[in-house]
Amino acid sequence: MAGININQFKQVPNRTAVSKEPAANVFEFLNKDISLFAIMGDKQKESLYHELSILLKAGVDLKSALELLILQLQKHKEADLLEQIKKNIVEGGSLSGALQQHKDFTPYEYYSIQIGEETGKLSEVLEELALFYRKRLKQKRQITGALMYPAIVTATSIGAIFFMMNFIVPMFGDIFKRSGSDLPAITQVIVDVSNFTRKYAFLFLLIAIGVITWLYLQRKKEWLRKASASVLLKLPIFGVMIRKIYLARFCNSMSLLTGSKVPLIRAIQLSRQMVGFYPIEISLETIEKDILQGKSLHESLRNFPIYDIKLISLIKVGEEVNQLTDFFGKIATQYSDDIEHQSALISSMLEPFIIIFLGFVVGIILIAMYLPLFQMGGSFG
């Protein structure tokens, strides 16, 4: 969404529709960041909530604000979606109720917006939602930026090794076969590996496609989510960063919801659906029960290793001074800063490592191929 000039609307009275209808089905399953086929992605949502908040603060009523946003959209699907939302509001519905009818929006979003409507702080809630998605986009860009170059170099390395093993090595293999001489051990190993990969490459490709397809179909099963989370957390270097990413998302969710005056139990329920990481989701189910039985939040968090000591200590202080929202926000900021630093560090570490590894493998292959030629040349001399 492009920027908009709001000066001309500052004198328009605010007639934002406020509804007090209860949000239904706020606990529907949601554990994915964003669907590949979603109309409104994180970037579009950040822009939508930010500009809608600006217009409402300027005094533009909700219907007119949506019309202005629709006019500047170039994608027809996004414009059609906002048209449907506007139509629901014109017919007497609330913004939260309109969002609830579309799968692109989560219970986290429309419940927060309903709280904003009921408290008369809709523009503030919309800006908080925009900030939430802005932080999430920043995290994704940090990870993408850190891994993009190593991923490209790795793919190029694999392609180069594949080409050498399937085209260069067989050419030398034919020469060695015609010579009839015994090959050095390293050369024989490389030739055997080349022959094996050429013979069974298609079979391995089919098996890989089959395994990936099966895992994709099983992705929502509890056993796979539990196993994959366990593997991710145990990854060297990356495991710590993955943990912080999801803890930052949890803290951002709790900061937004508690800041919108959502009761702690309901905030935990909605955060559980929003975080999308198995260890945190499972822990929040137990934490919800503990709080209902009278335990404090930090006491319950202490029972799960996914939450580190720093988070638990700061949450304890936040509970004691009754400022959980501020402390959740501060913790999320700290984790985001750590993620940014670690992603840059990982990127700088991986680049030379991958280049050295590629040079080592290519060097071994070249030495293995030329060693018999040097031996044959020596025998002729």
Protein backbone atom coordinates (compact mmCIF):
# COMPACT_ATOMS: atom_id res chain seq x y z
CA MET A 1 0.00 0.00 0.00
CA ALA A 2 1.32 3.40 -0.91
CA GLY A 3 1.44 6.33 1.47
CA ILE A 4 -1.60 8.60 1.64
CA ASN A 5 -2.12 12.30 2.27
CA ILE A 6 -4.41 12.67 5.28
CA ASN A 7 -4.33 16.46 5.70
CA GLN A 8 -7.54 16.94 3.78
CA PHE A 9 -9.45 14.64 6.13
CA LYS A 10 -8.49 16.17 9.48
CA GLN A 11 -11.76 18.00 9.90
CA VAL A 12 -13.97 14.98 9.22
CA PRO A 13 -15.72 13.77 12.39
CA ASN A 14 -14.88 10.32 13.60
CA ARG A 15 -17.82 8.00 13.08
CA THR A 16 -16.03 4.71 13.55
CA ALA A 17 -18.48 1.90 14.05
CA VAL A 18 -18.16 0.21 17.40
CA SER A 19 -19.68 -3.17 18.03
CA LYS A 20 -19.95 -5.16 21.21
CA GLU A 21 -20.79 -8.47 19.58
CA PRO A 22 -18.81 -11.34 21.16
CA ALA A 23 -16.09 -12.88 19.03
CA ALA A 24 -17.03 -16.45 18.17
CA ASN A 25 -14.64 -19.34 17.70
CA VAL A 26 -11.63 -17.40 18.98
CA PHE A 27 -9.81 -20.66 19.65
CA GLU A 28 -9.79 -22.04 16.10
CA PHE A 29 -6.58 -23.75 15.09
CA LEU A 30 -3.83 -21.50 13.80
CA ASN A 31 -0.20 -22.48 13.82
CA LYS A 32 1.15 -21.19 10.52
CA ASP A 33 2.76 -17.83 9.87
CA ILE A 34 1.17 -17.24 6.52
CA SER A 35 -0.39 -19.34 3.81
CA LEU A 36 1.23 -19.37 0.39
CA PHE A 37 -2.18 -18.58 -1.06
CA ALA A 38 -3.20 -15.95 1.48
CA ILE A 39 -4.45 -12.65 0.08
CA MET A 40 -3.16 -10.62 3.02
CA GLY A 41 0.39 -11.44 4.02
CA ASP A 42 2.36 -9.95 6.90
CA LYS A 43 3.56 -7.02 4.80
CA GLN A 44 0.04 -6.20 3.56
CA LYS A 45 -1.37 -6.45 7.10
CA GLU A 46 1.30 -4.15 8.52
CA SER A 47 0.49 -1.55 5.86
CA LEU A 48 -3.29 -1.99 6.25
CA TYR A 49 -3.32 -1.57 10.04
CA HIS A 50 -0.83 1.30 10.00
CA GLU A 51 -2.65 3.39 7.39
CA LEU A 52 -6.08 2.56 8.83
CA SER A 53 -4.84 3.75 12.22
CA ILE A 54 -3.55 7.02 10.72
CA LEU A 55 -6.86 7.72 9.00
CA LEU A 56 -8.93 6.98 12.10
CA LYS A 57 -6.71 9.24 14.22
CA ALA A 58 -7.17 11.98 11.60
CA GLY A 59 -10.95 11.80 12.08
CA VAL A 60 -11.90 9.74 9.02
CA ASP A 61 -14.76 7.31 9.63
CA LEU A 62 -14.09 3.62 9.12
CA LYS A 63 -16.09 3.28 5.89
CA SER A 64 -14.34 6.24 4.24
CA ALA A 65 -10.94 5.01 5.45
CA LEU A 66 -11.49 1.63 3.81
CA GLU A 67 -12.62 3.32 0.59
CA LEU A 68 -9.39 5.35 0.50
CA LEU A 69 -7.31 2.24 1.04
CA ILE A 70 -9.20 0.35 -1.67
CA LEU A 71 -8.56 3.14 -4.20
CA GLN A 72 -4.79 2.85 -3.86
CA LEU A 73 -4.63 -0.94 -4.11
CA GLN A 74 -3.35 -2.35 -7.38
CA LYS A 75 -3.99 -6.02 -6.60
CA HIS A 76 -7.61 -6.93 -7.30
CA LYS A 77 -7.78 -9.69 -4.68
CA GLU A 78 -6.74 -7.35 -1.87
CA ALA A 79 -9.17 -4.70 -3.09
CA ASP A 80 -12.00 -7.28 -3.28
CA LEU A 81 -11.24 -8.44 0.26
CA LEU A 82 -11.42 -4.89 1.64
CA GLU A 83 -14.61 -4.32 -0.37
CA GLN A 84 -16.20 -7.29 1.39
CA ILE A 85 -15.06 -5.97 4.77
CA LYS A 86 -16.46 -2.52 3.96
CA LYS A 87 -19.76 -4.07 2.85
CA ASN A 88 -20.09 -5.95 6.16
CA ILE A 89 -19.48 -2.70 8.08
CA VAL A 90 -22.00 -0.74 5.96
CA GLU A 91 -24.57 -3.43 6.73
CA GLY A 92 -24.13 -2.74 10.44
CA GLY A 93 -21.32 -5.09 11.40
CA SER A 94 -18.13 -4.31 13.28
CA LEU A 95 -14.60 -4.39 11.91
CA SER A 96 -13.70 -7.34 14.14
CA GLY A 97 -16.79 -9.23 12.98
CA ALA A 98 -15.96 -8.49 9.34
CA LEU A 99 -12.39 -9.76 9.73
CA GLN A 100 -13.63 -12.88 11.47
CA GLN A 101 -15.44 -13.95 8.31
CA HIS A 102 -12.19 -14.18 6.30
CA LYS A 103 -9.57 -16.89 6.79
CA ASP A 104 -6.69 -14.48 6.13
CA PHE A 105 -7.21 -12.93 9.58
CA THR A 106 -6.48 -14.73 12.82
CA PRO A 107 -8.37 -14.83 16.13
CA TYR A 108 -5.43 -12.87 17.53
CA GLU A 109 -6.22 -9.98 15.19
CA TYR A 110 -9.98 -9.76 15.30
CA TYR A 111 -10.16 -10.34 19.05
CA SER A 112 -7.64 -7.53 19.64
CA ILE A 113 -9.63 -5.26 17.32
CA GLN A 114 -12.85 -6.12 19.15
CA ILE A 115 -11.21 -5.02 22.41
CA GLY A 116 -10.23 -1.76 20.70
CA GLU A 117 -13.80 -1.23 19.50
CA GLU A 118 -15.27 -1.87 22.93
CA THR A 119 -12.80 0.41 24.72
CA GLY A 120 -12.89 3.19 22.10
CA LYS A 121 -9.18 2.71 21.36
CA LEU A 122 -9.44 1.14 17.92
CA SER A 123 -6.78 3.33 16.30
CA GLU A 124 -4.30 2.51 19.09
CA VAL A 125 -4.94 -1.22 18.76
CA LEU A 126 -4.54 -1.02 14.99
CA GLU A 127 -1.18 0.72 15.41
CA GLU A 128 -0.10 -1.97 17.88
CA LEU A 129 -1.07 -4.65 15.35
CA ALA A 130 0.93 -2.81 12.69
CA LEU A 131 3.91 -2.71 15.06
CA PHE A 132 3.53 -6.44 15.74
CA TYR A 133 3.67 -7.32 12.04
CA ARG A 134 6.49 -4.83 11.48
CA LYS A 135 8.58 -6.62 14.09
CA ARG A 136 7.71 -10.00 12.63
CA LEU A 137 8.70 -8.85 9.15
CA LYS A 138 11.97 -7.51 10.54
CA GLN A 139 12.72 -10.89 12.10
CA LYS A 140 12.00 -12.69 8.84
CA ARG A 141 14.20 -10.29 6.89
CA GLN A 142 17.01 -10.73 9.39
CA ILE A 143 16.90 -14.51 9.00
CA THR A 144 16.55 -14.31 5.22
CA GLY A 145 19.39 -11.82 4.95
CA ALA A 146 21.65 -13.97 7.12
CA LEU A 147 20.96 -17.19 5.23
CA MET A 148 20.51 -15.97 1.66
CA TYR A 149 24.18 -15.73 0.68
CA PRO A 150 25.20 -19.01 2.40
CA ALA A 151 22.21 -20.73 0.76
CA ILE A 152 23.21 -19.47 -2.70
CA VAL A 153 26.84 -20.50 -2.17
CA THR A 154 25.76 -23.91 -0.85
CA ALA A 155 23.46 -24.51 -3.83
CA THR A 156 26.22 -23.47 -6.22
CA SER A 157 28.67 -25.77 -4.43
CA ILE A 158 26.33 -28.73 -4.65
CA GLY A 159 25.71 -27.99 -8.32
CA ALA A 160 29.45 -27.80 -9.04
CA ILE A 161 30.17 -31.06 -7.21
CA PHE A 162 27.24 -32.77 -8.95
CA PHE A 163 28.53 -31.62 -12.35
CA MET A 164 32.04 -32.86 -11.64
CA MET A 165 30.89 -36.21 -10.29
CA ASN A 166 28.50 -36.87 -13.18
CA PHE A 167 30.38 -35.40 -16.16
CA ILE A 168 34.05 -34.72 -15.41
CA VAL A 169 34.86 -37.83 -13.33
CA PRO A 170 33.24 -40.26 -15.87
CA MET A 171 35.42 -38.77 -18.63
CA PHE A 172 38.56 -39.48 -16.62
CA GLY A 173 37.14 -42.86 -15.62
CA ASP A 174 36.94 -43.93 -19.28
CA ILE A 175 40.57 -42.89 -19.80
CA PHE A 176 41.71 -44.85 -16.74
CA LYS A 177 39.70 -47.89 -17.82
CA ARG A 178 41.34 -47.97 -21.25
CA SER A 179 44.78 -47.64 -19.71
CA GLY A 180 44.22 -50.83 -17.70
CA SER A 181 46.50 -49.68 -14.88
CA ASP A 182 45.69 -49.90 -11.20
CA LEU A 183 44.23 -46.69 -9.77
CA PRO A 184 45.28 -45.02 -6.53
CA ALA A 185 42.86 -45.68 -3.67
CA ILE A 186 41.53 -42.12 -3.58
CA THR A 187 40.89 -42.13 -7.32
CA GLN A 188 39.12 -45.50 -7.15
CA VAL A 189 36.86 -44.22 -4.37
CA ILE A 190 35.91 -41.10 -6.36
CA VAL A 191 35.22 -43.15 -9.51
CA ASP A 192 33.09 -45.67 -7.55
CA VAL A 193 31.10 -42.87 -5.92
CA SER A 194 30.55 -41.27 -9.32
CA ASN A 195 29.33 -44.55 -10.82
CA PHE A 196 27.05 -45.15 -7.86
CA THR A 197 25.47 -41.68 -7.95
CA ARG A 198 24.94 -41.87 -11.73
CA LYS A 199 23.30 -45.27 -11.42
CA TYR A 200 21.00 -44.45 -8.50
CA ALA A 201 20.59 -40.65 -8.75
CA PHE A 202 17.05 -40.90 -10.13
CA LEU A 203 16.06 -43.37 -7.42
CA PHE A 204 17.43 -41.08 -4.70
CA LEU A 205 15.52 -38.17 -6.24
CA LEU A 206 12.26 -40.14 -6.16
CA ILE A 207 12.87 -41.18 -2.55
CA ALA A 208 13.63 -37.58 -1.55
CA ILE A 209 10.46 -36.32 -3.24
CA GLY A 210 8.46 -39.09 -1.55
CA VAL A 211 9.87 -38.31 1.91
CA ILE A 212 9.30 -34.55 1.50
CA THR A 213 5.72 -35.14 0.30
CA TRP A 214 5.01 -37.50 3.22
CA LEU A 215 6.44 -35.06 5.75
CA TYR A 216 4.36 -32.26 4.23
CA LEU A 217 1.19 -34.33 4.57
CA GLN A 218 2.11 -35.20 8.18
CA ARG A 219 3.12 -31.63 9.12
CA LYS A 220 0.14 -31.06 11.44
CA LYS A 221 0.51 -34.35 13.31
CA GLU A 222 1.58 -33.89 16.92
CA TRP A 223 4.40 -36.45 16.76
CA LEU A 224 6.05 -34.71 13.80
CA ARG A 225 5.66 -31.22 15.29
CA LYS A 226 7.18 -32.44 18.55
CA ALA A 227 10.06 -34.24 16.82
CA SER A 228 10.84 -31.39 14.43
CA ALA A 229 10.83 -28.83 17.26
CA SER A 230 13.20 -31.02 19.27
CA VAL A 231 15.58 -31.34 16.31
CA LEU A 232 15.47 -27.59 15.57
CA LEU A 233 16.26 -26.64 19.17
CA LYS A 234 19.25 -29.00 19.24
CA LEU A 235 20.82 -27.63 16.05
CA PRO A 236 24.27 -26.13 16.68
CA ILE A 237 24.19 -22.31 16.54
CA PHE A 238 20.77 -22.20 14.86
CA GLY A 239 18.91 -23.84 17.76
CA VAL A 240 19.49 -20.91 20.12
CA MET A 241 18.38 -18.40 17.48
CA ILE A 242 15.23 -20.39 16.63
CA ARG A 243 14.32 -20.50 20.31
CA LYS A 244 14.71 -16.72 20.64
CA ILE A 245 12.64 -16.10 17.51
CA TYR A 246 9.64 -17.90 18.98
CA LEU A 247 10.12 -16.45 22.45
CA ALA A 248 10.18 -12.98 20.88
CA ARG A 249 6.96 -13.79 19.04
CA PHE A 250 5.36 -15.00 22.28
CA CYS A 251 6.41 -11.83 24.13
CA ASN A 252 5.20 -9.60 21.29
CA SER A 253 1.83 -11.35 21.33
CA MET A 254 1.47 -11.04 25.10
CA SER A 255 2.55 -7.39 25.03
CA LEU A 256 -0.09 -6.50 22.45
CA LEU A 257 -2.90 -8.45 24.11
CA THR A 258 -2.24 -7.40 27.71
CA GLY A 259 -1.75 -3.83 26.49
CA SER A 260 -5.23 -4.04 24.95
CA LYS A 261 -6.61 -4.98 28.41
CA VAL A 262 -7.22 -8.58 27.40
CA PRO A 263 -7.41 -10.78 30.55
CA LEU A 264 -4.22 -12.78 31.15
CA ILE A 265 -5.91 -16.16 30.63
CA ARG A 266 -7.43 -15.08 27.31
CA ALA A 267 -4.11 -13.54 26.24
CA ILE A 268 -2.37 -16.86 26.90
CA GLN A 269 -5.04 -18.73 24.95
CA LEU A 270 -4.70 -16.45 21.92
CA SER A 271 -0.90 -16.40 22.08
CA ARG A 272 -0.89 -20.19 22.07
CA GLN A 273 -2.70 -20.14 18.75
CA MET A 274 -0.45 -17.43 17.34
CA VAL A 275 3.07 -18.57 18.24
CA GLY A 276 3.01 -21.74 16.13
CA PHE A 277 5.83 -23.58 17.94
CA TYR A 278 5.02 -26.89 19.62
CA PRO A 279 7.00 -26.58 22.91
CA ILE A 280 5.51 -23.14 23.63
CA GLU A 281 1.99 -24.18 22.65
CA ILE A 282 2.07 -27.24 24.93
CA SER A 283 3.56 -25.28 27.81
CA LEU A 284 0.89 -22.58 27.55
CA GLU A 285 -1.86 -25.19 27.94
CA THR A 286 -0.40 -26.18 31.31
CA ILE A 287 0.38 -22.57 32.27
CA GLU A 288 -3.24 -21.62 31.66
CA LYS A 289 -4.39 -24.33 34.08
CA ASP A 290 -1.77 -23.32 36.66
CA ILE A 291 -2.91 -19.69 36.64
CA LEU A 292 -6.53 -20.76 37.07
CA GLN A 293 -5.39 -22.69 40.16
CA GLY A 294 -3.74 -19.60 41.64
CA LYS A 295 -0.14 -19.87 40.48
CA SER A 296 1.70 -16.81 39.20
CA LEU A 297 2.84 -16.65 35.59
CA HIS A 298 6.56 -16.71 36.34
CA GLU A 299 6.18 -19.72 38.66
CA SER A 300 4.47 -21.69 35.95
CA LEU A 301 6.95 -20.63 33.26
CA ARG A 302 9.79 -21.96 35.42
CA ASN A 303 8.55 -25.54 34.88
CA PHE A 304 9.41 -25.49 31.16
CA PRO A 305 12.98 -25.42 29.80
CA ILE A 306 11.93 -23.51 26.66
CA TYR A 307 11.75 -20.32 28.78
CA ASP A 308 15.13 -19.02 29.91
CA ILE A 309 16.02 -17.55 33.29
CA LYS A 310 16.18 -13.98 31.97
CA LEU A 311 12.59 -14.11 30.70
CA ILE A 312 11.27 -15.67 33.91
CA SER A 313 13.08 -13.13 36.12
CA LEU A 314 11.77 -10.14 34.16
CA ILE A 315 8.22 -11.55 34.11
CA LYS A 316 8.44 -11.94 37.89
CA VAL A 317 9.37 -8.27 38.25
CA GLY A 318 6.61 -7.29 35.82
CA GLU A 319 4.03 -9.14 37.92
CA GLU A 320 5.29 -7.59 41.15
CA VAL A 321 5.03 -4.02 39.80
CA ASN A 322 1.90 -4.78 37.74
CA GLN A 323 3.54 -3.80 34.45
CA LEU A 324 3.50 -7.04 32.47
CA THR A 325 2.81 -5.27 29.17
CA ASP A 326 5.96 -3.13 29.41
CA PHE A 327 8.12 -6.03 30.48
CA PHE A 328 6.86 -8.29 27.69
CA GLY A 329 7.68 -5.51 25.24
CA LYS A 330 11.18 -5.04 26.68
CA ILE A 331 11.89 -8.77 26.58
CA ALA A 332 10.71 -8.99 22.96
CA THR A 333 13.00 -6.09 22.05
CA GLN A 334 15.97 -7.77 23.74
CA TYR A 335 15.33 -11.02 21.90
CA SER A 336 14.97 -9.17 18.59
CA ASP A 337 18.31 -7.43 19.14
CA ASP A 338 19.94 -10.76 19.98
CA ILE A 339 18.45 -12.34 16.83
CA GLU A 340 19.78 -9.49 14.68
CA HIS A 341 23.26 -9.85 16.15
CA GLN A 342 23.32 -13.65 15.88
CA SER A 343 21.97 -13.70 12.32
CA ALA A 344 24.73 -11.32 11.20
CA LEU A 345 27.31 -13.41 13.06
CA ILE A 346 26.06 -16.67 11.52
CA SER A 347 26.15 -15.15 8.05
CA SER A 348 29.74 -13.97 8.49
CA MET A 349 30.77 -17.38 9.86
CA LEU A 350 29.07 -19.52 7.24
CA GLU A 351 30.33 -17.70 4.16
CA PRO A 352 34.06 -18.54 4.56
CA PHE A 353 33.28 -22.01 5.91
CA ILE A 354 31.22 -22.93 2.85
CA ILE A 355 33.84 -21.52 0.46
CA ILE A 356 36.60 -23.49 2.23
CA PHE A 357 34.49 -26.66 2.17
CA LEU A 358 33.78 -26.26 -1.55
CA GLY A 359 37.46 -25.68 -2.30
CA PHE A 360 38.40 -28.75 -0.24
CA VAL A 361 35.94 -31.08 -2.01
CA VAL A 362 36.78 -29.79 -5.50
CA GLY A 363 40.49 -30.04 -4.66
CA ILE A 364 40.12 -33.68 -3.55
CA ILE A 365 38.28 -34.56 -6.78
CA LEU A 366 40.88 -32.84 -8.98
CA ILE A 367 43.80 -34.46 -7.14
CA ALA A 368 42.11 -37.87 -7.43
CA MET A 369 41.64 -37.39 -11.18
CA TYR A 370 45.13 -36.10 -11.99
CA LEU A 371 47.11 -38.42 -9.70
CA PRO A 372 46.83 -41.43 -12.09
CA LEU A 373 47.84 -39.18 -15.00
CA PHE A 374 50.99 -38.14 -13.14
CA GLN A 375 51.74 -41.82 -12.37
CA MET A 376 51.28 -42.81 -16.02
CA GLY A 377 53.50 -39.94 -17.10
CA GLY A 378 56.18 -41.08 -14.64
CA SER A 379 56.02 -44.68 -15.90
CA PHE A 380 56.51 -43.54 -19.49
CA GLY A 381 59.50 -41.45 -18.41
